[in-house]
Amino acid sequence: MTKVFINGGSGTTGLRIADRLAARGDIRLVSPPEAHRKDVRAQAELAAQADITILCLPDEASRALIAALGDEQGRVLDASTAFRTDARFAYGFPELSPAHEAAIRKANRVAVPGCHA
């Protein structure tokens, strides 16, 4: 079963993603205890253990978590604008080219394109 951590799951984006994933039998949503919900170290530990982490956070909070997590631990999809032009992140728009789709498939860091794409 795939473990998914939605960081920022109480906001609109996080709630919608959680609703869609909760209905799937092959996914288990994980989250930190309420007392550690805003603790960046606790978030990073959970992100390192999850199969995929989806960041639904403001830019600064996304940057803080990635700094705490490092470049090698965890697989992260970031829905903020913090990393859309960062070379460490694949831009999550596979329709750009077959090479781009291949890069997304193997990436540990993907920046979600947002509504403008």
PDB file of N, CA and C in Angstrom:
ATOM      1  N   MET A   1       0.849  -1.181   0.000  1.00  0.00           N
ATOM      2  CA  MET A   1       0.000   0.000   0.000  1.00  0.00           C
ATOM      3  C   MET A   1       0.893   1.243   0.000  1.00  0.00           C
ATOM      4  N   THR A   2       0.562   2.188  -0.830  1.00  0.00           N
ATOM      5  CA  THR A   2       1.327   3.424  -0.960  1.00  0.00           C
ATOM      6  C   THR A   2       0.966   4.387   0.167  1.00  0.00           C
ATOM      7  N   LYS A   3       1.998   4.877   0.878  1.00  0.00           N
ATOM      8  CA  LYS A   3       1.793   5.858   1.947  1.00  0.00           C
ATOM      9  C   LYS A   3       1.959   7.259   1.373  1.00  0.00           C
ATOM     10  N   VAL A   4       0.930   8.087   1.554  1.00  0.00           N
ATOM     11  CA  VAL A   4       0.940   9.453   1.042  1.00  0.00           C
ATOM     12  C   VAL A   4       0.762  10.426   2.201  1.00  0.00           C
ATOM     13  N   PHE A   5       1.670  11.376   2.279  1.00  0.00           N
ATOM     14  CA  PHE A   5       1.610  12.446   3.272  1.00  0.00           C
ATOM     15  C   PHE A   5       1.216  13.726   2.551  1.00  0.00           C
ATOM     16  N   ILE A   6       0.050  14.282   2.897  1.00  0.00           N
ATOM     17  CA  ILE A   6      -0.381  15.563   2.342  1.00  0.00           C
ATOM     18  C   ILE A   6      -0.069  16.619   3.394  1.00  0.00           C
ATOM     19  N   ASN A   7       0.978  17.396   3.145  1.00  0.00           N
ATOM     20  CA  ASN A   7       1.376  18.431   4.090  1.00  0.00           C
ATOM     21  C   ASN A   7       0.649  19.714   3.713  1.00  0.00           C
ATOM     22  N   GLY A   8      -0.207  20.162   4.593  1.00  0.00           N
ATOM     23  CA  GLY A   8      -1.085  21.287   4.301  1.00  0.00           C
ATOM     24  C   GLY A   8      -2.469  20.762   3.951  1.00  0.00           C
ATOM     25  N   GLY A   9      -2.796  19.618   4.503  1.00  0.00           N
ATOM     26  CA  GLY A   9      -4.038  18.934   4.177  1.00  0.00           C
ATOM     27  C   GLY A   9      -5.297  19.583   4.710  1.00  0.00           C
ATOM     28  N   SER A  10      -5.164  20.673   5.464  1.00  0.00           N
ATOM     29  CA  SER A  10      -6.370  21.331   5.981  1.00  0.00           C
ATOM     30  C   SER A  10      -6.818  22.502   5.100  1.00  0.00           C
ATOM     31  N   GLY A  11      -6.013  22.837   4.091  1.00  0.00           N
ATOM     32  CA  GLY A  11      -6.401  23.891   3.150  1.00  0.00           C
ATOM     33  C   GLY A  11      -7.221  23.319   2.002  1.00  0.00           C
ATOM     34  N   THR A  12      -7.723  24.185   1.161  1.00  0.00           N
ATOM     35  CA  THR A  12      -8.597  23.763   0.064  1.00  0.00           C
ATOM     36  C   THR A  12      -7.938  22.722  -0.837  1.00  0.00           C
ATOM     37  N   THR A  13      -6.729  22.977  -1.295  1.00  0.00           N
ATOM     38  CA  THR A  13      -6.045  22.045  -2.194  1.00  0.00           C
ATOM     39  C   THR A  13      -5.814  20.715  -1.499  1.00  0.00           C
ATOM     40  N   GLY A  14      -5.276  20.766  -0.286  1.00  0.00           N
ATOM     41  CA  GLY A  14      -5.009  19.540   0.463  1.00  0.00           C
ATOM     42  C   GLY A  14      -6.255  18.735   0.747  1.00  0.00           C
ATOM     43  N   LEU A  15      -7.336  19.411   1.108  1.00  0.00           N
ATOM     44  CA  LEU A  15      -8.594  18.707   1.382  1.00  0.00           C
ATOM     45  C   LEU A  15      -9.139  18.016   0.139  1.00  0.00           C
ATOM     46  N   ARG A  16      -9.051  18.675  -0.993  1.00  0.00           N
ATOM     47  CA  ARG A  16      -9.550  18.065  -2.241  1.00  0.00           C
ATOM     48  C   ARG A  16      -8.703  16.860  -2.646  1.00  0.00           C
ATOM     49  N   ILE A  17      -7.407  16.976  -2.502  1.00  0.00           N
ATOM     50  CA  ILE A  17      -6.540  15.842  -2.825  1.00  0.00           C
ATOM     51  C   ILE A  17      -6.822  14.693  -1.864  1.00  0.00           C
ATOM     52  N   ALA A  18      -6.945  15.009  -0.580  1.00  0.00           N
ATOM     53  CA  ALA A  18      -7.219  13.969   0.424  1.00  0.00           C
ATOM     54  C   ALA A  18      -8.538  13.269   0.140  1.00  0.00           C
ATOM     55  N   ASP A  19      -9.570  14.008  -0.227  1.00  0.00           N
ATOM     56  CA  ASP A  19     -10.865  13.404  -0.552  1.00  0.00           C
ATOM     57  C   ASP A  19     -10.735  12.411  -1.698  1.00  0.00           C
ATOM     58  N   ARG A  20      -9.990  12.793  -2.716  1.00  0.00           N
ATOM     59  CA  ARG A  20      -9.830  11.893  -3.871  1.00  0.00           C
ATOM     60  C   ARG A  20      -9.018  10.650  -3.515  1.00  0.00           C
ATOM     61  N   LEU A  21      -7.974  10.827  -2.741  1.00  0.00           N
ATOM     62  CA  LEU A  21      -7.112   9.691  -2.420  1.00  0.00           C
ATOM     63  C   LEU A  21      -7.716   8.777  -1.356  1.00  0.00           C
ATOM     64  N   ALA A  22      -8.509   9.324  -0.452  1.00  0.00           N
ATOM     65  CA  ALA A  22      -9.101   8.525   0.633  1.00  0.00           C
ATOM     66  C   ALA A  22     -10.018   7.437   0.091  1.00  0.00           C
ATOM     67  N   ALA A  23     -10.578   7.639  -1.077  1.00  0.00           N
ATOM     68  CA  ALA A  23     -11.500   6.659  -1.663  1.00  0.00           C
ATOM     69  C   ALA A  23     -10.765   5.470  -2.290  1.00  0.00           C
ATOM     70  N   ARG A  24      -9.456   5.553  -2.396  1.00  0.00           N
ATOM     71  CA  ARG A  24      -8.677   4.489  -3.034  1.00  0.00           C
ATOM     72  C   ARG A  24      -8.226   3.468  -2.003  1.00  0.00           C
ATOM     73  N   GLY A  25      -8.347   2.215  -2.342  1.00  0.00           N
ATOM     74  CA  GLY A  25      -7.950   1.143  -1.440  1.00  0.00           C
ATOM     75  C   GLY A  25      -6.461   0.854  -1.435  1.00  0.00           C
ATOM     76  N   ASP A  26      -5.721   1.417  -2.384  1.00  0.00           N
ATOM     77  CA  ASP A  26      -4.284   1.144  -2.480  1.00  0.00           C
ATOM     78  C   ASP A  26      -3.428   2.263  -1.882  1.00  0.00           C
ATOM     79  N   ILE A  27      -4.073   3.238  -1.234  1.00  0.00           N
ATOM     80  CA  ILE A  27      -3.358   4.383  -0.664  1.00  0.00           C
ATOM     81  C   ILE A  27      -3.738   4.530   0.802  1.00  0.00           C
ATOM     82  N   ARG A  28      -2.702   4.761   1.616  1.00  0.00           N
ATOM     83  CA  ARG A  28      -2.928   5.073   3.028  1.00  0.00           C
ATOM     84  C   ARG A  28      -2.404   6.479   3.276  1.00  0.00           C
ATOM     85  N   LEU A  29      -3.301   7.367   3.699  1.00  0.00           N
ATOM     86  CA  LEU A  29      -2.902   8.734   4.022  1.00  0.00           C
ATOM     87  C   LEU A  29      -2.293   8.755   5.417  1.00  0.00           C
ATOM     88  N   VAL A  30      -1.152   9.418   5.543  1.00  0.00           N
ATOM     89  CA  VAL A  30      -0.481   9.545   6.831  1.00  0.00           C
ATOM     90  C   VAL A  30      -0.339  11.019   7.177  1.00  0.00           C
ATOM     91  N   SER A  31      -0.319  11.329   8.460  1.00  0.00           N
ATOM     92  CA  SER A  31      -0.153  12.714   8.899  1.00  0.00           C
ATOM     93  C   SER A  31       0.455  12.716  10.290  1.00  0.00           C
ATOM     94  N   PRO A  32       1.135  13.813  10.640  1.00  0.00           N
ATOM     95  CA  PRO A  32       1.729  13.900  11.975  1.00  0.00           C
ATOM     96  C   PRO A  32       0.637  14.123  13.020  1.00  0.00           C
ATOM     97  N   PRO A  33       0.938  13.829  14.270  1.00  0.00           N
ATOM     98  CA  PRO A  33      -0.018  14.168  15.327  1.00  0.00           C
ATOM     99  C   PRO A  33      -0.288  15.679  15.309  1.00  0.00           C
ATOM    100  N   GLU A  34      -1.469  16.079  15.699  1.00  0.00           N
ATOM    101  CA  GLU A  34      -1.872  17.492  15.656  1.00  0.00           C
ATOM    102  C   GLU A  34      -0.846  18.400  16.341  1.00  0.00           C
ATOM    103  N   ALA A  35      -0.276  17.964  17.433  1.00  0.00           N
ATOM    104  CA  ALA A  35       0.698  18.776  18.172  1.00  0.00           C
ATOM    105  C   ALA A  35       1.966  19.050  17.356  1.00  0.00           C
ATOM    106  N   HIS A  36       2.243  18.234  16.341  1.00  0.00           N
ATOM    107  CA  HIS A  36       3.455  18.385  15.526  1.00  0.00           C
ATOM    108  C   HIS A  36       3.148  18.814  14.084  1.00  0.00           C
ATOM    109  N   ARG A  37       1.916  19.227  13.847  1.00  0.00           N
ATOM    110  CA  ARG A  37       1.479  19.560  12.492  1.00  0.00           C
ATOM    111  C   ARG A  37       2.323  20.654  11.849  1.00  0.00           C
ATOM    112  N   LYS A  38       2.809  21.622  12.636  1.00  0.00           N
ATOM    113  CA  LYS A  38       3.606  22.727  12.079  1.00  0.00           C
ATOM    114  C   LYS A  38       5.091  22.609  12.422  1.00  0.00           C
ATOM    115  N   ASP A  39       5.495  21.461  12.953  1.00  0.00           N
ATOM    116  CA  ASP A  39       6.894  21.196  13.307  1.00  0.00           C
ATOM    117  C   ASP A  39       7.617  20.705  12.057  1.00  0.00           C
ATOM    118  N   VAL A  40       8.526  21.507  11.524  1.00  0.00           N
ATOM    119  CA  VAL A  40       9.200  21.181  10.265  1.00  0.00           C
ATOM    120  C   VAL A  40      10.000  19.888  10.385  1.00  0.00           C
ATOM    121  N   ARG A  41      10.629  19.647  11.529  1.00  0.00           N
ATOM    122  CA  ARG A  41      11.385  18.392  11.677  1.00  0.00           C
ATOM    123  C   ARG A  41      10.459  17.182  11.632  1.00  0.00           C
ATOM    124  N   ALA A  42       9.310  17.268  12.294  1.00  0.00           N
ATOM    125  CA  ALA A  42       8.337  16.167  12.270  1.00  0.00           C
ATOM    126  C   ALA A  42       7.796  15.969  10.857  1.00  0.00           C
ATOM    127  N   GLN A  43       7.560  17.059  10.155  1.00  0.00           N
ATOM    128  CA  GLN A  43       7.095  16.972   8.768  1.00  0.00           C
ATOM    129  C   GLN A  43       8.147  16.280   7.899  1.00  0.00           C
ATOM    130  N   ALA A  44       9.414  16.668   8.072  1.00  0.00           N
ATOM    131  CA  ALA A  44      10.497  16.090   7.275  1.00  0.00           C
ATOM    132  C   ALA A  44      10.650  14.597   7.562  1.00  0.00           C
ATOM    133  N   GLU A  45      10.524  14.198   8.813  1.00  0.00           N
ATOM    134  CA  GLU A  45      10.617  12.776   9.158  1.00  0.00           C
ATOM    135  C   GLU A  45       9.501  11.987   8.472  1.00  0.00           C
ATOM    136  N   LEU A  46       8.298  12.520   8.515  1.00  0.00           N
ATOM    137  CA  LEU A  46       7.171  11.839   7.884  1.00  0.00           C
ATOM    138  C   LEU A  46       7.335  11.811   6.368  1.00  0.00           C
ATOM    139  N   ALA A  47       7.805  12.909   5.784  1.00  0.00           N
ATOM    140  CA  ALA A  47       8.026  12.969   4.337  1.00  0.00           C
ATOM    141  C   ALA A  47       9.092  11.966   3.905  1.00  0.00           C
ATOM    142  N   ALA A  48      10.108  11.757   4.725  1.00  0.00           N
ATOM    143  CA  ALA A  48      11.159  10.790   4.405  1.00  0.00           C
ATOM    144  C   ALA A  48      10.626   9.362   4.441  1.00  0.00           C
ATOM    145  N   GLN A  49       9.628   9.101   5.273  1.00  0.00           N
ATOM    146  CA  GLN A  49       9.068   7.759   5.421  1.00  0.00           C
ATOM    147  C   GLN A  49       7.950   7.471   4.421  1.00  0.00           C
ATOM    148  N   ALA A  50       7.277   8.500   3.940  1.00  0.00           N
ATOM    149  CA  ALA A  50       6.152   8.322   3.013  1.00  0.00           C
ATOM    150  C   ALA A  50       6.683   7.949   1.626  1.00  0.00           C
ATOM    151  N   ASP A  51       5.845   7.277   0.866  1.00  0.00           N
ATOM    152  CA  ASP A  51       6.213   6.969  -0.518  1.00  0.00           C
ATOM    153  C   ASP A  51       6.138   8.216  -1.381  1.00  0.00           C
ATOM    154  N   ILE A  52       5.200   9.090  -1.055  1.00  0.00           N
ATOM    155  CA  ILE A  52       5.068  10.369  -1.763  1.00  0.00           C
ATOM    156  C   ILE A  52       4.521  11.411  -0.797  1.00  0.00           C
ATOM    157  N   THR A  53       5.057  12.614  -0.883  1.00  0.00           N
ATOM    158  CA  THR A  53       4.568  13.739  -0.082  1.00  0.00           C
ATOM    159  C   THR A  53       4.054  14.801  -1.041  1.00  0.00           C
ATOM    160  N   ILE A  54       2.875  15.298  -0.757  1.00  0.00           N
ATOM    161  CA  ILE A  54       2.289  16.370  -1.561  1.00  0.00           C
ATOM    162  C   ILE A  54       2.257  17.624  -0.694  1.00  0.00           C
ATOM    163  N   LEU A  55       2.961  18.654  -1.129  1.00  0.00           N
ATOM    164  CA  LEU A  55       3.016  19.898  -0.375  1.00  0.00           C
ATOM    165  C   LEU A  55       1.935  20.843  -0.863  1.00  0.00           C
ATOM    166  N   CYS A  56       1.038  21.178   0.034  1.00  0.00           N
ATOM    167  CA  CYS A  56      -0.053  22.137  -0.239  1.00  0.00           C
ATOM    168  C   CYS A  56       0.129  23.290   0.735  1.00  0.00           C
ATOM    169  N   LEU A  57       1.278  23.902   0.654  1.00  0.00           N
ATOM    170  CA  LEU A  57       1.718  24.899   1.630  1.00  0.00           C
ATOM    171  C   LEU A  57       2.030  26.225   0.957  1.00  0.00           C
ATOM    172  N   PRO A  58       2.104  27.304   1.745  1.00  0.00           N
ATOM    173  CA  PRO A  58       2.643  28.560   1.211  1.00  0.00           C
ATOM    174  C   PRO A  58       4.111  28.354   0.808  1.00  0.00           C
ATOM    175  N   ASP A  59       4.602  29.194  -0.081  1.00  0.00           N
ATOM    176  CA  ASP A  59       5.960  29.054  -0.599  1.00  0.00           C
ATOM    177  C   ASP A  59       7.018  28.902   0.488  1.00  0.00           C
ATOM    178  N   GLU A  60       7.008  29.778   1.476  1.00  0.00           N
ATOM    179  CA  GLU A  60       8.044  29.729   2.521  1.00  0.00           C
ATOM    180  C   GLU A  60       8.004  28.421   3.303  1.00  0.00           C
ATOM    181  N   ALA A  61       6.821  27.915   3.580  1.00  0.00           N
ATOM    182  CA  ALA A  61       6.702  26.648   4.298  1.00  0.00           C
ATOM    183  C   ALA A  61       7.199  25.492   3.431  1.00  0.00           C
ATOM    184  N   SER A  62       6.946  25.533   2.137  1.00  0.00           N
ATOM    185  CA  SER A  62       7.470  24.508   1.230  1.00  0.00           C
ATOM    186  C   SER A  62       8.989  24.556   1.202  1.00  0.00           C
ATOM    187  N   ARG A  63       9.548  25.756   1.120  1.00  0.00           N
ATOM    188  CA  ARG A  63      11.008  25.898   1.113  1.00  0.00           C
ATOM    189  C   ARG A  63      11.621  25.374   2.405  1.00  0.00           C
ATOM    190  N   ALA A  64      10.988  25.669   3.537  1.00  0.00           N
ATOM    191  CA  ALA A  64      11.503  25.204   4.832  1.00  0.00           C
ATOM    192  C   ALA A  64      11.494  23.679   4.915  1.00  0.00           C
ATOM    193  N   LEU A  65      10.441  23.055   4.425  1.00  0.00           N
ATOM    194  CA  LEU A  65      10.377  21.596   4.483  1.00  0.00           C
ATOM    195  C   LEU A  65      11.423  20.965   3.571  1.00  0.00           C
ATOM    196  N   ILE A  66      11.571  21.473   2.360  1.00  0.00           N
ATOM    197  CA  ILE A  66      12.580  20.914   1.449  1.00  0.00           C
ATOM    198  C   ILE A  66      13.977  21.104   2.023  1.00  0.00           C
ATOM    199  N   ALA A  67      14.251  22.232   2.661  1.00  0.00           N
ATOM    200  CA  ALA A  67      15.551  22.447   3.298  1.00  0.00           C
ATOM    201  C   ALA A  67      15.777  21.425   4.410  1.00  0.00           C
ATOM    202  N   ALA A  68      14.755  21.146   5.195  1.00  0.00           N
ATOM    203  CA  ALA A  68      14.871  20.177   6.289  1.00  0.00           C
ATOM    204  C   ALA A  68      14.976  18.749   5.756  1.00  0.00           C
ATOM    205  N   LEU A  69      14.319  18.474   4.662  1.00  0.00           N
ATOM    206  CA  LEU A  69      14.295  17.132   4.075  1.00  0.00           C
ATOM    207  C   LEU A  69      15.570  16.842   3.296  1.00  0.00           C
ATOM    208  N   GLY A  70      16.124  17.853   2.662  1.00  0.00           N
ATOM    209  CA  GLY A  70      17.303  17.647   1.820  1.00  0.00           C
ATOM    210  C   GLY A  70      16.894  17.218   0.424  1.00  0.00           C
ATOM    211  N   ASP A  71      17.871  17.114  -0.448  1.00  0.00           N
ATOM    212  CA  ASP A  71      17.591  16.804  -1.847  1.00  0.00           C
ATOM    213  C   ASP A  71      17.411  15.319  -2.121  1.00  0.00           C
ATOM    214  N   GLU A  72      17.844  14.467  -1.230  1.00  0.00           N
ATOM    215  CA  GLU A  72      17.848  13.039  -1.514  1.00  0.00           C
ATOM    216  C   GLU A  72      16.703  12.261  -0.884  1.00  0.00           C
ATOM    217  N   GLN A  73      16.150  12.719   0.210  1.00  0.00           N
ATOM    218  CA  GLN A  73      15.121  11.963   0.907  1.00  0.00           C
ATOM    219  C   GLN A  73      13.733  12.251   0.367  1.00  0.00           C
ATOM    220  N   GLY A  74      12.924  11.216   0.264  1.00  0.00           N
ATOM    221  CA  GLY A  74      11.514  11.359  -0.068  1.00  0.00           C
ATOM    222  C   GLY A  74      11.244  11.743  -1.507  1.00  0.00           C
ATOM    223  N   ARG A  75       9.997  11.497  -1.915  1.00  0.00           N
ATOM    224  CA  ARG A  75       9.489  11.958  -3.210  1.00  0.00           C
ATOM    225  C   ARG A  75       8.457  13.029  -2.922  1.00  0.00           C
ATOM    226  N   VAL A  76       8.580  14.169  -3.583  1.00  0.00           N
ATOM    227  CA  VAL A  76       7.758  15.328  -3.254  1.00  0.00           C
ATOM    228  C   VAL A  76       7.122  15.929  -4.506  1.00  0.00           C
ATOM    229  N   LEU A  77       5.823  16.177  -4.405  1.00  0.00           N
ATOM    230  CA  LEU A  77       5.099  16.986  -5.379  1.00  0.00           C
ATOM    231  C   LEU A  77       4.779  18.292  -4.671  1.00  0.00           C
ATOM    232  N   ASP A  78       5.229  19.405  -5.204  1.00  0.00           N
ATOM    233  CA  ASP A  78       4.991  20.692  -4.556  1.00  0.00           C
ATOM    234  C   ASP A  78       3.966  21.499  -5.339  1.00  0.00           C
ATOM    235  N   ALA A  79       2.855  21.819  -4.682  1.00  0.00           N
ATOM    236  CA  ALA A  79       1.773  22.578  -5.330  1.00  0.00           C
ATOM    237  C   ALA A  79       1.937  24.086  -5.186  1.00  0.00           C
ATOM    238  N   SER A  80       2.957  24.530  -4.460  1.00  0.00           N
ATOM    239  CA  SER A  80       3.180  25.977  -4.328  1.00  0.00           C
ATOM    240  C   SER A  80       3.918  26.485  -5.569  1.00  0.00           C
ATOM    241  N   THR A  81       4.269  27.754  -5.557  1.00  0.00           N
ATOM    242  CA  THR A  81       5.069  28.312  -6.652  1.00  0.00           C
ATOM    243  C   THR A  81       6.555  28.340  -6.305  1.00  0.00           C
ATOM    244  N   ALA A  82       6.925  27.849  -5.140  1.00  0.00           N
ATOM    245  CA  ALA A  82       8.284  27.981  -4.621  1.00  0.00           C
ATOM    246  C   ALA A  82       9.357  27.359  -5.509  1.00  0.00           C
ATOM    247  N   PHE A  83       9.038  26.274  -6.206  1.00  0.00           N
ATOM    248  CA  PHE A  83      10.069  25.537  -6.935  1.00  0.00           C
ATOM    249  C   PHE A  83       9.780  25.374  -8.417  1.00  0.00           C
ATOM    250  N   ARG A  84       8.875  26.146  -8.968  1.00  0.00           N
ATOM    251  CA  ARG A  84       8.484  25.949 -10.365  1.00  0.00           C
ATOM    252  C   ARG A  84       9.609  26.215 -11.353  1.00  0.00           C
ATOM    253  N   THR A  85      10.570  27.012 -10.972  1.00  0.00           N
ATOM    254  CA  THR A  85      11.704  27.269 -11.861  1.00  0.00           C
ATOM    255  C   THR A  85      13.021  26.775 -11.272  1.00  0.00           C
ATOM    256  N   ASP A  86      12.942  25.974 -10.229  1.00  0.00           N
ATOM    257  CA  ASP A  86      14.133  25.437  -9.569  1.00  0.00           C
ATOM    258  C   ASP A  86      14.650  24.230 -10.357  1.00  0.00           C
ATOM    259  N   ALA A  87      15.923  24.225 -10.700  1.00  0.00           N
ATOM    260  CA  ALA A  87      16.507  23.147 -11.508  1.00  0.00           C
ATOM    261  C   ALA A  87      16.474  21.795 -10.794  1.00  0.00           C
ATOM    262  N   ARG A  88      16.331  21.784  -9.471  1.00  0.00           N
ATOM    263  CA  ARG A  88      16.268  20.513  -8.733  1.00  0.00           C
ATOM    264  C   ARG A  88      14.902  19.839  -8.878  1.00  0.00           C
ATOM    265  N   PHE A  89      13.917  20.555  -9.395  1.00  0.00           N
ATOM    266  CA  PHE A  89      12.553  20.054  -9.531  1.00  0.00           C
ATOM    267  C   PHE A  89      12.200  19.888 -11.005  1.00  0.00           C
ATOM    268  N   ALA A  90      11.578  18.763 -11.321  1.00  0.00           N
ATOM    269  CA  ALA A  90      11.016  18.595 -12.666  1.00  0.00           C
ATOM    270  C   ALA A  90       9.720  19.401 -12.716  1.00  0.00           C
ATOM    271  N   TYR A  91       9.512  20.088 -13.798  1.00  0.00           N
ATOM    272  CA  TYR A  91       8.264  20.848 -13.970  1.00  0.00           C
ATOM    273  C   TYR A  91       7.195  19.848 -14.397  1.00  0.00           C
ATOM    274  N   GLY A  92       6.166  19.703 -13.592  1.00  0.00           N
ATOM    275  CA  GLY A  92       5.173  18.650 -13.760  1.00  0.00           C
ATOM    276  C   GLY A  92       4.199  18.835 -14.889  1.00  0.00           C
ATOM    277  N   PHE A  93       4.697  18.980 -16.093  1.00  0.00           N
ATOM    278  CA  PHE A  93       3.855  19.175 -17.265  1.00  0.00           C
ATOM    279  C   PHE A  93       4.349  18.199 -18.351  1.00  0.00           C
ATOM    280  N   PRO A  94       3.949  16.932 -18.264  1.00  0.00           N
ATOM    281  CA  PRO A  94       4.506  15.913 -19.152  1.00  0.00           C
ATOM    282  C   PRO A  94       4.219  16.138 -20.631  1.00  0.00           C
ATOM    283  N   GLU A  95       3.197  16.914 -20.945  1.00  0.00           N
ATOM    284  CA  GLU A  95       2.843  17.167 -22.341  1.00  0.00           C
ATOM    285  C   GLU A  95       3.884  17.998 -23.085  1.00  0.00           C
ATOM    286  N   LEU A  96       4.839  18.571 -22.380  1.00  0.00           N
ATOM    287  CA  LEU A  96       5.850  19.392 -23.058  1.00  0.00           C
ATOM    288  C   LEU A  96       6.685  18.578 -24.037  1.00  0.00           C
ATOM    289  N   SER A  97       7.034  17.343 -23.657  1.00  0.00           N
ATOM    290  CA  SER A  97       7.813  16.481 -24.552  1.00  0.00           C
ATOM    291  C   SER A  97       7.955  15.094 -23.928  1.00  0.00           C
ATOM    292  N   PRO A  98       8.260  14.092 -24.745  1.00  0.00           N
ATOM    293  CA  PRO A  98       8.506  12.757 -24.179  1.00  0.00           C
ATOM    294  C   PRO A  98       9.671  12.753 -23.174  1.00  0.00           C
ATOM    295  N   ALA A  99      10.702  13.538 -23.456  1.00  0.00           N
ATOM    296  CA  ALA A  99      11.837  13.611 -22.523  1.00  0.00           C
ATOM    297  C   ALA A  99      11.407  14.227 -21.198  1.00  0.00           C
ATOM    298  N   HIS A 100      10.529  15.202 -21.295  1.00  0.00           N
ATOM    299  CA  HIS A 100      10.033  15.852 -20.078  1.00  0.00           C
ATOM    300  C   HIS A 100       9.206  14.865 -19.252  1.00  0.00           C
ATOM    301  N   GLU A 101       8.371  14.087 -19.916  1.00  0.00           N
ATOM    302  CA  GLU A 101       7.578  13.067 -19.216  1.00  0.00           C
ATOM    303  C   GLU A 101       8.497  12.056 -18.533  1.00  0.00           C
ATOM    304  N   ALA A 102       9.543  11.631 -19.205  1.00  0.00           N
ATOM    305  CA  ALA A 102      10.500  10.682 -18.621  1.00  0.00           C
ATOM    306  C   ALA A 102      11.186  11.285 -17.400  1.00  0.00           C
ATOM    307  N   ALA A 103      11.531  12.554 -17.463  1.00  0.00           N
ATOM    308  CA  ALA A 103      12.172  13.226 -16.326  1.00  0.00           C
ATOM    309  C   ALA A 103      11.238  13.268 -15.121  1.00  0.00           C
ATOM    310  N   ILE A 104       9.964  13.516 -15.353  1.00  0.00           N
ATOM    311  CA  ILE A 104       8.981  13.554 -14.264  1.00  0.00           C
ATOM    312  C   ILE A 104       8.860  12.178 -13.631  1.00  0.00           C
ATOM    313  N   ARG A 105       8.799  11.142 -14.453  1.00  0.00           N
ATOM    314  CA  ARG A 105       8.636   9.776 -13.946  1.00  0.00           C
ATOM    315  C   ARG A 105       9.756   9.374 -12.992  1.00  0.00           C
ATOM    316  N   LYS A 106      10.980   9.817 -13.250  1.00  0.00           N
ATOM    317  CA  LYS A 106      12.105   9.399 -12.408  1.00  0.00           C
ATOM    318  C   LYS A 106      12.472  10.426 -11.324  1.00  0.00           C
ATOM    319  N   ALA A 107      11.842  11.582 -11.346  1.00  0.00           N
ATOM    320  CA  ALA A 107      12.191  12.660 -10.411  1.00  0.00           C
ATOM    321  C   ALA A 107      11.718  12.377  -8.986  1.00  0.00           C
ATOM    322  N   ASN A 108      12.508  12.812  -8.032  1.00  0.00           N
ATOM    323  CA  ASN A 108      12.104  12.797  -6.627  1.00  0.00           C
ATOM    324  C   ASN A 108      11.486  14.122  -6.213  1.00  0.00           C
ATOM    325  N   ARG A 109      11.593  15.119  -7.068  1.00  0.00           N
ATOM    326  CA  ARG A 109      11.031  16.441  -6.803  1.00  0.00           C
ATOM    327  C   ARG A 109      10.294  16.905  -8.046  1.00  0.00           C
ATOM    328  N   VAL A 110       9.004  17.189  -7.903  1.00  0.00           N
ATOM    329  CA  VAL A 110       8.205  17.672  -9.028  1.00  0.00           C
ATOM    330  C   VAL A 110       7.447  18.928  -8.599  1.00  0.00           C
ATOM    331  N   ALA A 111       7.559  19.968  -9.384  1.00  0.00           N
ATOM    332  CA  ALA A 111       6.800  21.204  -9.143  1.00  0.00           C
ATOM    333  C   ALA A 111       5.523  21.136  -9.969  1.00  0.00           C
ATOM    334  N   VAL A 112       4.396  21.250  -9.297  1.00  0.00           N
ATOM    335  CA  VAL A 112       3.102  21.216  -9.969  1.00  0.00           C
ATOM    336  C   VAL A 112       2.952  22.502 -10.781  1.00  0.00           C
ATOM    337  N   PRO A 113       2.515  22.411 -12.049  1.00  0.00           N
ATOM    338  CA  PRO A 113       2.486  23.597 -12.906  1.00  0.00           C
ATOM    339  C   PRO A 113       1.513  24.681 -12.472  1.00  0.00           C
ATOM    340  N   GLY A 114       0.443  24.360 -11.806  1.00  0.00           N
ATOM    341  CA  GLY A 114      -0.527  25.368 -11.412  1.00  0.00           C
ATOM    342  C   GLY A 114      -1.568  25.599 -12.480  1.00  0.00           C
ATOM    343  N   CYS A 115      -2.501  26.467 -12.198  1.00  0.00           N
ATOM    344  CA  CYS A 115      -3.650  26.660 -13.078  1.00  0.00           C
ATOM    345  C   CYS A 115      -3.314  27.391 -14.367  1.00  0.00           C
ATOM    346  N   HIS A 116      -2.209  28.138 -14.392  1.00  0.00           N
ATOM    347  CA  HIS A 116      -1.872  28.899 -15.603  1.00  0.00           C
ATOM    348  C   HIS A 116      -1.445  27.999 -16.755  1.00  0.00           C
ATOM    349  N   ALA A 117      -0.957  26.798 -16.441  1.00  0.00           N
ATOM    350  CA  ALA A 117      -0.453  25.889 -17.489  1.00  0.00           C
ATOM    351  C   ALA A 117      -1.609  25.370 -18.332  1.00  0.00           C
TER     352      ALA A 117
END
